[in-house]
């Protein structure tokens, strides 16, 4: 039984390496979010415009944008120890400036991190660097269970 349990843990640990910044998030795979970089307190992701993500006007749906923002912000919240710390969203506010009519980049930074709370900000940019949306979020930092 122990060898089977250890084998399952190894498979899970291996799967984590293939995920987004050390974790597997099936919904992010589903929407096609690409992990680009995590350097210090800055995280970058990329989302391609695809039919499954658009609203009735052909723009990326606000819910897809907010999901990508929430994930990217949560990554930078736990950037100090990404494999041992998880992040649960306490609060997030998003402001939309313009529709996302093309592929987008999400850039997030952690502004302040304590022992159990992190404050983060992020923005959605189009390929020309035009800011389409901004968000602020607060996260509860929790030990990741393995």
Protein backbone atom coordinates (compact mmCIF):
# COMPACT_ATOMS: atom_id res chain seq x y z
CA UNK A 1 0.00 0.00 0.00
CA UNK A 2 2.80 2.45 0.84
CA UNK A 3 4.47 1.94 -2.53
CA UNK A 4 1.20 2.67 -4.32
CA UNK A 5 0.64 5.75 -2.19
CA UNK A 6 4.20 6.96 -2.84
CA UNK A 7 3.78 6.26 -6.55
CA UNK A 8 0.60 8.36 -6.62
CA UNK A 9 2.41 11.20 -4.86
CA UNK A 10 5.24 11.03 -7.39
CA UNK A 11 2.78 11.24 -10.25
CA UNK A 12 1.05 14.21 -8.64
CA UNK A 13 4.37 15.94 -8.00
CA UNK A 14 5.35 15.30 -11.63
CA UNK A 15 2.07 16.72 -12.84
CA UNK A 16 2.69 19.86 -10.80
CA UNK A 17 5.89 20.51 -12.72
CA UNK A 18 3.89 20.51 -15.95
CA UNK A 19 1.28 22.96 -14.69
CA UNK A 20 1.23 26.73 -14.32
CA UNK A 21 4.14 27.98 -12.21
CA UNK A 22 4.34 24.73 -10.26
CA UNK A 23 0.65 23.90 -9.89
CA UNK A 24 -1.95 22.26 -12.09
CA UNK A 25 -5.03 24.40 -12.68
CA UNK A 26 -7.37 22.58 -15.10
CA UNK A 27 -9.53 25.67 -15.71
CA UNK A 28 -6.50 27.70 -16.84
CA UNK A 29 -5.65 24.89 -19.27
CA UNK A 30 -9.28 24.96 -20.42
CA UNK A 31 -9.25 28.66 -21.29
CA UNK A 32 -5.78 28.37 -22.79
CA UNK A 33 -3.91 30.66 -20.40
CA UNK A 34 -0.17 30.44 -21.03
CA UNK A 35 2.35 30.92 -18.23
CA UNK A 36 5.10 33.25 -19.46
CA UNK A 37 7.30 34.33 -16.54
CA UNK A 38 7.55 34.69 -12.80
CA UNK A 39 10.45 36.88 -11.74
CA UNK A 40 10.60 38.27 -8.23
CA UNK A 41 7.29 39.95 -7.54
CA UNK A 42 6.16 40.14 -11.18
CA UNK A 43 4.17 37.51 -13.07
CA UNK A 44 3.22 37.45 -16.77
CA UNK A 45 0.68 35.29 -18.53
CA UNK A 46 -0.81 35.32 -22.04
CA UNK A 47 -4.30 34.56 -23.31
CA UNK A 48 -5.08 34.06 -26.99
CA UNK A 49 -8.29 35.28 -28.54
CA UNK A 50 -10.31 32.19 -29.39
CA UNK A 51 -13.92 31.64 -30.25
CA UNK A 52 -14.73 29.78 -27.03
CA UNK A 53 -13.81 32.85 -24.96
CA UNK A 54 -15.68 35.62 -26.77
CA UNK A 55 -18.91 37.43 -25.98
CA UNK A 56 -21.66 38.30 -28.48
CA UNK A 57 -19.53 41.15 -29.90
CA UNK A 58 -16.48 38.94 -30.53
CA UNK A 59 -14.39 40.41 -27.68
CA UNK A 60 -12.82 38.27 -24.97
CA UNK A 61 -15.55 37.84 -22.34
CA UNK A 62 -15.09 39.83 -19.14
CA UNK A 63 -15.37 36.65 -17.10
CA UNK A 64 -12.45 35.09 -19.00
CA UNK A 65 -10.42 38.26 -18.41
CA UNK A 66 -11.23 38.22 -14.70
CA UNK A 67 -10.32 34.53 -14.42
CA UNK A 68 -6.96 35.16 -16.10
CA UNK A 69 -6.36 38.18 -13.86
CA UNK A 70 -7.32 36.30 -10.69
CA UNK A 71 -4.96 33.45 -11.51
CA UNK A 72 -2.04 35.68 -12.49
CA UNK A 73 -2.49 37.84 -9.39
CA UNK A 74 -2.65 34.74 -7.18
CA UNK A 75 0.62 33.45 -8.67
CA UNK A 76 2.47 36.63 -7.77
CA UNK A 77 0.89 36.57 -4.30
CA UNK A 78 2.63 33.24 -3.62
CA UNK A 79 5.78 34.00 -5.65
CA UNK A 80 7.98 33.96 -2.54
CA UNK A 81 7.39 30.19 -2.17
CA UNK A 82 5.26 28.99 -5.12
CA UNK A 83 5.35 25.26 -4.41
CA UNK A 84 4.59 25.41 -0.67
CA UNK A 85 2.13 28.32 -0.47
CA UNK A 86 -1.34 28.58 -1.96
CA UNK A 87 -3.43 31.72 -2.37
CA UNK A 88 -7.15 32.10 -1.78
CA UNK A 89 -8.82 35.23 -3.15
CA UNK A 90 -10.36 37.36 -0.40
CA UNK A 91 -11.28 40.35 -2.54
CA UNK A 92 -10.77 41.42 -6.16
CA UNK A 93 -11.93 44.49 -8.02
CA UNK A 94 -11.62 44.87 -11.77
CA UNK A 95 -12.05 47.92 -13.97
CA UNK A 96 -12.50 47.54 -17.71
CA UNK A 97 -11.25 50.35 -19.95
CA UNK A 98 -11.63 48.87 -23.43
CA UNK A 99 -12.69 45.57 -25.03
CA UNK A 100 -10.09 42.85 -25.62
CA UNK A 101 -10.26 42.32 -29.38
CA UNK A 102 -6.98 40.38 -29.74
CA UNK A 103 -4.50 38.28 -27.79
CA UNK A 104 -3.71 39.75 -24.38
CA UNK A 105 -0.96 39.79 -21.81
CA UNK A 106 -1.62 39.89 -18.09
CA UNK A 107 1.04 41.47 -15.88
CA UNK A 108 0.73 41.26 -12.10
CA UNK A 109 2.86 42.56 -9.25
CA UNK A 110 2.76 41.97 -5.52
CA UNK A 111 2.71 45.30 -3.72
CA UNK A 112 2.88 44.01 -0.16
CA UNK A 113 3.06 40.54 1.37
CA UNK A 114 2.78 39.68 5.03
CA UNK A 115 2.80 36.28 6.73
CA UNK A 116 -0.75 35.47 5.71
CA UNK A 117 -2.04 38.25 3.41
CA UNK A 118 -0.80 39.57 0.05
CA UNK A 119 -1.90 42.68 -1.84
CA UNK A 120 -1.50 42.53 -5.62
CA UNK A 121 -2.22 44.63 -8.70
CA UNK A 122 -2.39 43.69 -12.34
CA UNK A 123 -3.35 44.83 -15.78
CA UNK A 124 -4.48 43.38 -19.08
CA UNK A 125 -2.66 44.72 -22.14
CA UNK A 126 -3.16 44.17 -25.84
CA UNK A 127 -0.25 43.47 -28.20
CA UNK A 128 0.50 47.20 -28.49
CA UNK A 129 0.75 47.63 -24.71
CA UNK A 130 -2.59 49.42 -24.42
CA UNK A 131 -4.11 48.79 -20.98
CA UNK A 132 -7.57 47.24 -21.39
CA UNK A 133 -8.34 46.41 -17.75
CA UNK A 134 -6.82 46.70 -14.29
CA UNK A 135 -7.41 44.76 -11.08
CA UNK A 136 -6.47 44.80 -7.42
CA UNK A 137 -6.76 41.76 -5.24
CA UNK A 138 -6.14 40.60 -1.69
CA UNK A 139 -5.16 36.98 -1.05
CA UNK A 140 -5.03 34.77 2.02
CA UNK A 141 -1.76 32.81 1.90
CA UNK A 142 -2.24 29.20 2.96
CA UNK A 143 0.12 26.26 3.25
CA UNK A 144 -0.27 23.98 0.24
CA UNK A 145 -1.28 20.44 1.19
CA UNK A 146 0.51 17.67 -0.66
